[in-house]
Amino acid sequence: MTTALLRWLPHHRARLWLALRMIVSAAIAYALAEALHLAQGYWAVLTTIIVTQSSVGGSLKAAMDRLIGSVCGALVGAVVAFLVPGHSPVALGIALLAALAPLAVLTAYAPDFRIAPVTAIIVLMSSGAATLGAFGYALDRVLEITLGSVVGVLVSALVGPARAHTHVREAAASAAVLLAEMVSGLAPAAGSGASDGGTLSSRVQAALTRLGTTVADAARERRSRISDEPDAEPLFRTLRRLQQDVLALRRLFDAPWPESVRPTLAPAFTAYAEAVAVALRSLGAALAARQSSPDLPVSRTALADYLAAIATTRQQGLIRELPTEAAGRILGSAFRVEQLQRDLDDLTERIGEMAVVGR
């Protein structure tokens, strides 16, 4: 059982630290709310749970979103309560519509601030507002949420802190490995046509979406002087370009190529696709291990062989004999594999830069 636990812990360490941070931040927020005699201290405790994220950058974003949304909602709710006095159902209904109209528009364009209409509703409908007054009640809510946000961010930064840059590497490595699977699926495509890949394309997109979120969190940490890691945005852009390269190649291979060119082109393209897949897996492993990018000349050699095979078919006049659509797909593949190789080389450079700067 001890051995199984030791194997289980490394894979769940990040989740366990997150759970611990949530417990600690909630306990601290509750203690502070009681010490400060806040009327509804549970708002501070709830806020710490919402704000505490898997990385410091994520916690900063959650805190800022909640603070800005709460201030906007509390301010609008208090102003509407002042302009539309009365506690009758009709007056309350008018006040709710007046407050929700601008905040609903805000939320539609900025979903991260969806707490704003919730806060306005609480300010308008809570029984506490009648005792303290709308502005006093709104101020209390902002103070409680500010307390919870500050506690959540501080605990995230001090208790088993997880930097967003670590998550960037993990997400980028996952995306690279999934792209390798997509390229492997294209290896036999010249002879059999590209398969639909099942859910692989959506998995790649999900990995890149997660990477984009972590890159934004890492940038936020860097701006806040919490981290001095290199900018991960170039890495993200390169992986997005690689995704587009692979998808474009899949479209060019949506049907088997003509039999007259298969003996020359199919083996060469298969060798190149397999070399690219190996390179992407190696680069993904380097990212995950925070190592320098390996030298991968095999893919460049395989690229040269594939381009030479296309040149051979042109010299033999085989491409001129093909339908325009088929000839266009073959010649278009030459452009696409060159672009793919450039982006693969760029990925190698980006990983090397991150490894050197991050040491």
Protein backbone atom coordinates (compact mmCIF):
# COMPACT_ATOMS: atom_id res chain seq x y z
CA MET A 1 0.00 0.00 0.00
CA THR A 2 2.89 2.36 0.79
CA THR A 3 4.39 1.74 -2.65
CA ALA A 4 1.08 2.47 -4.35
CA LEU A 5 0.74 5.70 -2.36
CA LEU A 6 4.24 6.82 -3.37
CA ARG A 7 3.35 6.22 -7.00
CA TRP A 8 0.03 8.04 -6.64
CA LEU A 9 1.34 11.18 -4.90
CA PRO A 10 3.49 12.66 -7.71
CA HIS A 11 0.55 12.61 -10.11
CA HIS A 12 -1.79 14.30 -7.64
CA ARG A 13 0.57 16.64 -5.81
CA ALA A 14 -0.75 19.76 -7.57
CA ARG A 15 -4.38 18.92 -6.74
CA LEU A 16 -3.52 18.18 -3.11
CA TRP A 17 -1.68 21.50 -2.77
CA LEU A 18 -4.70 23.29 -4.28
CA ALA A 19 -7.01 21.61 -1.77
CA LEU A 20 -4.70 22.59 1.08
CA ARG A 21 -4.54 26.21 -0.11
CA MET A 22 -8.34 26.38 -0.28
CA ILE A 23 -8.64 25.05 3.29
CA VAL A 24 -5.99 27.41 4.65
CA SER A 25 -7.37 30.48 2.87
CA ALA A 26 -10.94 29.75 4.01
CA ALA A 27 -9.79 29.34 7.61
CA ILE A 28 -7.80 32.58 7.54
CA ALA A 29 -10.64 34.50 5.91
CA TYR A 30 -13.08 33.26 8.51
CA ALA A 31 -10.75 34.21 11.37
CA LEU A 32 -10.19 37.70 9.96
CA ALA A 33 -13.90 38.23 9.31
CA GLU A 34 -14.65 37.33 12.91
CA ALA A 35 -11.85 39.51 14.25
CA LEU A 36 -13.08 42.47 12.20
CA HIS A 37 -16.72 41.79 13.17
CA LEU A 38 -17.89 41.77 9.56
CA ALA A 39 -21.67 41.47 9.32
CA GLN A 40 -21.62 38.68 6.74
CA GLY A 41 -18.13 37.28 6.84
CA TYR A 42 -19.13 34.25 4.82
CA TRP A 43 -18.72 36.39 1.70
CA ALA A 44 -15.00 36.59 2.48
CA VAL A 45 -14.81 32.83 2.96
CA LEU A 46 -16.71 32.12 -0.27
CA THR A 47 -14.47 34.52 -2.16
CA THR A 48 -11.29 32.76 -1.02
CA ILE A 49 -12.63 29.46 -2.40
CA ILE A 50 -13.41 31.08 -5.75
CA VAL A 51 -10.15 33.02 -5.95
CA THR A 52 -7.76 30.22 -4.97
CA GLN A 53 -6.65 28.64 -8.26
CA SER A 54 -4.03 26.13 -9.33
CA SER A 55 -1.45 28.87 -9.98
CA VAL A 56 -0.65 32.29 -8.56
CA GLY A 57 -1.41 33.91 -11.90
CA GLY A 58 -4.80 32.20 -12.02
CA SER A 59 -5.55 33.42 -8.50
CA LEU A 60 -4.61 36.98 -9.47
CA LYS A 61 -6.99 36.89 -12.42
CA ALA A 62 -9.84 35.41 -10.40
CA ALA A 63 -9.31 38.02 -7.68
CA MET A 64 -9.29 40.94 -10.12
CA ASP A 65 -12.36 39.66 -11.96
CA ARG A 66 -14.29 39.22 -8.73
CA LEU A 67 -13.22 42.57 -7.30
CA ILE A 68 -14.04 44.57 -10.43
CA GLY A 69 -17.34 42.75 -10.91
CA SER A 70 -18.31 43.19 -7.27
CA VAL A 71 -17.48 46.90 -7.23
CA CYS A 72 -19.46 47.50 -10.42
CA GLY A 73 -22.44 45.50 -9.17
CA ALA A 74 -22.43 47.07 -5.71
CA LEU A 75 -22.13 50.59 -7.11
CA VAL A 76 -24.92 50.14 -9.66
CA GLY A 77 -27.16 48.46 -7.10
CA ALA A 78 -26.63 51.23 -4.54
CA VAL A 79 -27.23 54.01 -7.06
CA VAL A 80 -30.42 52.39 -8.36
CA ALA A 81 -31.66 51.82 -4.79
CA PHE A 82 -31.11 55.53 -4.11
CA LEU A 83 -32.86 56.66 -7.31
CA VAL A 84 -35.76 54.18 -7.04
CA PRO A 85 -36.76 54.27 -3.34
CA GLY A 86 -39.42 52.08 -1.85
CA HIS A 87 -39.78 48.42 -0.97
CA SER A 88 -43.00 47.55 -2.75
CA PRO A 89 -42.90 44.70 -5.28
CA VAL A 90 -43.39 47.16 -8.14
CA ALA A 91 -40.58 49.46 -6.97
CA LEU A 92 -38.26 46.51 -6.42
CA GLY A 93 -39.06 45.12 -9.87
CA ILE A 94 -38.29 48.46 -11.51
CA ALA A 95 -35.05 48.73 -9.53
CA LEU A 96 -33.97 45.24 -10.56
CA LEU A 97 -34.60 45.94 -14.24
CA ALA A 98 -32.77 49.26 -14.05
CA ALA A 99 -29.75 47.68 -12.36
CA LEU A 100 -29.60 44.52 -14.46
CA ALA A 101 -29.86 46.27 -17.83
CA PRO A 102 -26.33 47.76 -17.88
CA LEU A 103 -24.79 44.89 -15.94
CA ALA A 104 -26.27 42.28 -18.28
CA VAL A 105 -24.67 44.12 -21.20
CA LEU A 106 -21.37 44.21 -19.30
CA THR A 107 -21.56 40.47 -18.66
CA ALA A 108 -22.46 39.74 -22.28
CA TYR A 109 -19.28 41.46 -23.48
CA ALA A 110 -17.08 40.55 -20.49
CA PRO A 111 -18.21 37.19 -19.05
CA ASP A 112 -15.42 37.27 -16.46
CA PHE A 113 -17.41 39.94 -14.58
CA ARG A 114 -20.60 37.91 -14.25
CA ILE A 115 -20.50 38.46 -10.49
CA ALA A 116 -21.58 42.08 -11.11
CA PRO A 117 -25.33 41.44 -11.65
CA VAL A 118 -25.32 38.93 -8.78
CA THR A 119 -23.90 41.57 -6.44
CA ALA A 120 -26.43 44.15 -7.59
CA ILE A 121 -29.31 41.75 -6.94
CA ILE A 122 -27.99 41.05 -3.43
CA VAL A 123 -27.69 44.76 -2.68
CA LEU A 124 -31.24 45.44 -3.88
CA MET A 125 -33.04 42.42 -2.44
CA SER A 126 -31.19 41.66 0.80
CA SER A 127 -32.89 42.52 4.04
CA GLY A 128 -29.58 43.91 5.29
CA ALA A 129 -29.77 46.76 2.81
CA ALA A 130 -32.90 48.07 4.52
CA THR A 131 -31.03 48.24 7.85
CA LEU A 132 -27.67 49.62 6.75
CA GLY A 133 -28.84 51.51 3.69
CA ALA A 134 -27.95 50.56 0.13
CA PHE A 135 -24.57 52.31 0.11
CA GLY A 136 -23.55 50.98 3.52
CA TYR A 137 -24.56 47.45 2.59
CA ALA A 138 -22.75 47.71 -0.76
CA LEU A 139 -19.60 48.93 0.98
CA ASP A 140 -19.71 45.97 3.37
CA ARG A 141 -19.95 43.53 0.45
CA VAL A 142 -16.98 45.12 -1.30
CA LEU A 143 -14.90 45.01 1.89
CA GLU A 144 -15.74 41.36 2.52
CA ILE A 145 -14.96 40.36 -1.06
CA THR A 146 -11.75 42.40 -1.01
CA LEU A 147 -10.67 40.61 2.15
CA GLY A 148 -11.38 37.21 0.63
CA SER A 149 -9.56 38.11 -2.59
CA VAL A 150 -6.45 39.34 -0.79
CA VAL A 151 -6.34 36.27 1.43
CA GLY A 152 -6.80 33.95 -1.55
CA VAL A 153 -3.97 35.53 -3.52
CA LEU A 154 -1.57 35.65 -0.56
CA VAL A 155 -2.20 32.02 0.38
CA SER A 156 -1.75 30.99 -3.28
CA ALA A 157 1.60 32.78 -3.33
CA LEU A 158 2.85 31.48 0.04
CA VAL A 159 1.43 27.97 0.57
CA GLY A 160 2.96 25.49 -1.86
CA PRO A 161 2.98 28.13 -4.60
CA ALA A 162 2.52 26.84 -8.14
CA ARG A 163 3.80 29.12 -10.88
CA ALA A 164 1.76 29.31 -14.06
CA HIS A 165 4.93 28.76 -16.08
CA THR A 166 5.03 25.16 -14.83
CA HIS A 167 1.52 24.65 -16.18
CA VAL A 168 2.60 26.29 -19.45
CA ARG A 169 5.24 23.64 -19.96
CA GLU A 170 2.85 20.83 -19.11
CA ALA A 171 0.13 22.13 -21.44
CA ALA A 172 2.62 22.79 -24.27
CA ALA A 173 4.11 19.33 -23.91
CA SER A 174 0.63 17.78 -24.04
CA ALA A 175 -0.21 19.77 -27.18
CA ALA A 176 3.05 18.71 -28.86
CA VAL A 177 2.40 15.03 -28.15
CA LEU A 178 -1.16 15.27 -29.48
CA LEU A 179 0.11 17.00 -32.62
CA ALA A 180 2.56 14.11 -33.01
CA GLU A 181 -0.39 11.71 -32.97
CA MET A 182 -2.11 13.75 -35.68
CA VAL A 183 1.00 13.68 -37.87
CA SER A 184 1.40 9.93 -37.30
CA GLY A 185 -2.15 9.50 -38.57
CA LEU A 186 -1.13 11.26 -41.80
CA ALA A 187 1.84 8.97 -42.48
CA PRO A 188 -0.07 6.51 -44.75
CA ALA A 189 -2.37 9.21 -46.17
CA ALA A 190 -0.81 9.37 -49.65
CA GLY A 191 -1.84 5.81 -50.24
CA SER A 192 -5.07 5.54 -48.26
CA GLY A 193 -6.26 9.11 -47.66
CA ALA A 194 -6.30 10.87 -44.32
CA SER A 195 -8.52 9.46 -41.60
CA ASP A 196 -10.86 11.75 -39.71
CA GLY A 197 -8.72 11.32 -36.59
CA GLY A 198 -11.72 10.77 -34.32
CA THR A 199 -11.62 13.21 -31.42
CA LEU A 200 -7.93 13.97 -31.87
CA SER A 201 -8.47 17.40 -33.46
CA SER A 202 -10.76 18.49 -30.64
CA ARG A 203 -8.27 17.22 -28.07
CA VAL A 204 -5.51 19.27 -29.68
CA GLN A 205 -7.76 22.33 -29.66
CA ALA A 206 -8.62 21.76 -26.00
CA ALA A 207 -4.91 21.45 -25.13
CA LEU A 208 -4.13 24.69 -26.97
CA THR A 209 -7.02 26.46 -25.26
CA ARG A 210 -5.68 25.36 -21.89
CA LEU A 211 -2.22 26.50 -22.96
CA GLY A 212 -3.57 29.92 -23.93
CA THR A 213 -5.12 30.32 -20.48
CA THR A 214 -1.92 29.34 -18.67
CA VAL A 215 0.15 31.63 -20.90
CA ALA A 216 -2.10 34.54 -19.88
CA ASP A 217 -1.70 33.56 -16.21
CA ALA A 218 2.08 33.40 -16.63
CA ALA A 219 2.10 36.86 -18.22
CA ARG A 220 0.10 38.17 -15.28
CA GLU A 221 2.65 36.73 -12.84
CA ARG A 222 5.46 38.34 -14.81
CA ARG A 223 3.78 41.76 -14.81
CA SER A 224 3.23 41.43 -11.06
CA ARG A 225 6.95 40.61 -10.53
CA ILE A 226 5.98 37.24 -9.08
CA SER A 227 7.90 35.39 -11.77
CA ASP A 228 10.89 36.18 -13.99
CA GLU A 229 10.30 33.32 -16.41
CA PRO A 230 10.51 34.08 -20.16
CA ASP A 231 7.47 35.11 -22.17
CA ALA A 232 5.60 31.97 -23.27
CA GLU A 233 3.48 33.72 -25.91
CA PRO A 234 5.90 32.87 -28.79
CA LEU A 235 5.74 29.20 -27.80
CA PHE A 236 1.94 29.33 -27.87
CA ARG A 237 1.88 31.01 -31.30
CA THR A 238 4.27 28.43 -32.74
CA LEU A 239 2.15 25.52 -31.55
CA ARG A 240 -0.94 27.18 -33.02
CA ARG A 241 0.83 27.49 -36.37
CA LEU A 242 1.84 23.84 -36.21
CA GLN A 243 -1.79 22.92 -35.59
CA GLN A 244 -2.82 24.86 -38.70
CA ASP A 245 -0.04 23.22 -40.72
CA VAL A 246 -1.19 19.73 -39.79
CA LEU A 247 -4.85 20.53 -40.46
CA ALA A 248 -3.93 21.96 -43.87
CA LEU A 249 -2.00 18.81 -44.73
CA ARG A 250 -4.96 16.69 -43.69
CA ARG A 251 -7.16 18.59 -46.16
CA LEU A 252 -4.62 17.96 -48.95
CA PHE A 253 -4.72 14.24 -48.21
CA ASP A 254 -8.49 13.91 -47.84
CA ALA A 255 -8.43 11.33 -50.66
CA PRO A 256 -5.73 8.86 -51.83
CA TRP A 257 -3.30 10.26 -54.36
CA PRO A 258 -3.29 8.96 -57.99
CA GLU A 259 -1.72 5.55 -58.44
CA SER A 260 0.80 6.84 -60.96
CA VAL A 261 2.64 8.92 -58.34
CA ARG A 262 2.16 6.76 -55.26
CA PRO A 263 5.28 4.57 -55.68
CA THR A 264 7.45 7.70 -55.70
CA LEU A 265 5.67 10.01 -53.28
CA ALA A 266 3.95 7.77 -50.70
CA PRO A 267 7.12 6.26 -49.11
CA ALA A 268 8.84 9.64 -48.98
CA PHE A 269 5.88 11.39 -47.36
CA THR A 270 5.39 8.52 -44.90
CA ALA A 271 9.04 8.80 -43.83
CA TYR A 272 8.71 12.57 -43.37
CA ALA A 273 5.48 12.33 -41.36
CA GLU A 274 6.99 9.71 -39.08
CA ALA A 275 10.13 11.83 -38.59
CA VAL A 276 8.03 14.88 -37.67
CA ALA A 277 5.99 12.81 -35.20
CA VAL A 278 9.19 11.60 -33.52
CA ALA A 279 10.48 15.18 -33.38
CA LEU A 280 7.29 16.49 -31.79
CA ARG A 281 7.34 13.76 -29.15
CA SER A 282 10.99 14.52 -28.35
CA LEU A 283 10.27 18.25 -28.09
CA GLY A 284 7.28 17.56 -25.87
CA ALA A 285 9.46 15.47 -23.58
CA ALA A 286 12.07 18.26 -23.46
CA LEU A 287 9.37 20.75 -22.49
CA ALA A 288 8.01 18.56 -19.72
CA ALA A 289 11.50 17.88 -18.35
CA ARG A 290 12.63 21.53 -18.70
CA GLN A 291 15.53 20.45 -20.87
CA SER A 292 17.20 21.99 -23.90
CA SER A 293 15.61 21.09 -27.21
CA PRO A 294 17.28 18.10 -28.90
CA ASP A 295 18.90 18.35 -32.33
CA LEU A 296 16.51 16.72 -34.80
CA PRO A 297 18.12 16.58 -38.27
CA VAL A 298 16.13 13.53 -39.36
CA SER A 299 13.01 15.53 -40.19
CA ARG A 300 14.98 17.97 -42.35
CA THR A 301 16.59 15.08 -44.22
CA ALA A 302 13.19 13.43 -44.71
CA LEU A 303 11.78 16.76 -45.94
CA ALA A 304 14.54 17.04 -48.54
CA ASP A 305 13.81 13.49 -49.69
CA TYR A 306 10.09 14.23 -50.08
CA LEU A 307 10.71 17.43 -52.03
CA ALA A 308 13.17 15.53 -54.23
CA ALA A 309 10.47 12.90 -54.86
CA ILE A 310 8.03 15.61 -56.00
CA ALA A 311 10.73 17.06 -58.27
CA THR A 312 11.26 13.59 -59.75
CA THR A 313 7.58 13.16 -60.58
CA ARG A 314 7.58 16.57 -62.28
CA GLN A 315 10.66 15.73 -64.33
CA GLN A 316 9.04 12.47 -65.41
CA GLY A 317 5.95 14.38 -66.53
CA LEU A 318 3.68 12.43 -64.19
CA ILE A 319 2.14 15.53 -62.58
CA ARG A 320 1.24 17.08 -65.96
CA GLU A 321 -0.84 14.00 -66.71
CA LEU A 322 -2.91 14.35 -63.53
CA PRO A 323 -6.22 16.20 -63.12
CA THR A 324 -5.75 19.80 -62.03
CA GLU A 325 -7.18 19.13 -58.55
CA ALA A 326 -4.81 16.21 -57.90
CA ALA A 327 -1.79 18.08 -59.23
CA GLY A 328 -2.68 21.08 -57.07
CA ARG A 329 -2.85 18.94 -53.95
CA ILE A 330 0.58 17.41 -54.62
CA LEU A 331 2.27 20.72 -55.33
CA GLY A 332 0.44 22.33 -52.41
CA SER A 333 1.79 19.65 -50.11
CA ALA A 334 5.33 20.78 -50.95
CA PHE A 335 4.55 24.27 -49.67
CA ARG A 336 2.84 22.92 -46.58
CA VAL A 337 5.62 20.54 -45.52
CA GLU A 338 8.16 23.34 -45.90
CA GLN A 339 6.00 25.58 -43.71
CA LEU A 340 5.57 22.75 -41.21
CA GLN A 341 9.34 22.26 -41.04
CA ARG A 342 9.92 25.98 -40.49
CA ASP A 343 7.44 25.99 -37.62
CA LEU A 344 8.98 22.81 -36.21
CA ASP A 345 12.41 24.47 -36.28
CA ASP A 346 10.89 27.54 -34.64
CA LEU A 347 9.42 25.35 -31.89
CA THR A 348 12.87 23.88 -31.32
CA GLU A 349 14.31 27.38 -30.89
CA ARG A 350 11.53 28.49 -28.53
CA ILE A 351 12.07 25.46 -26.29
CA GLY A 352 15.81 26.05 -26.29
CA GLU A 353 15.34 29.70 -25.26
CA MET A 354 13.01 28.75 -22.43
CA ALA A 355 15.41 26.12 -21.15
CA VAL A 356 18.38 28.54 -21.13
CA VAL A 357 16.55 31.50 -19.56
CA GLY A 358 14.73 29.32 -17.01
CA ARG A 359 17.89 27.85 -15.53
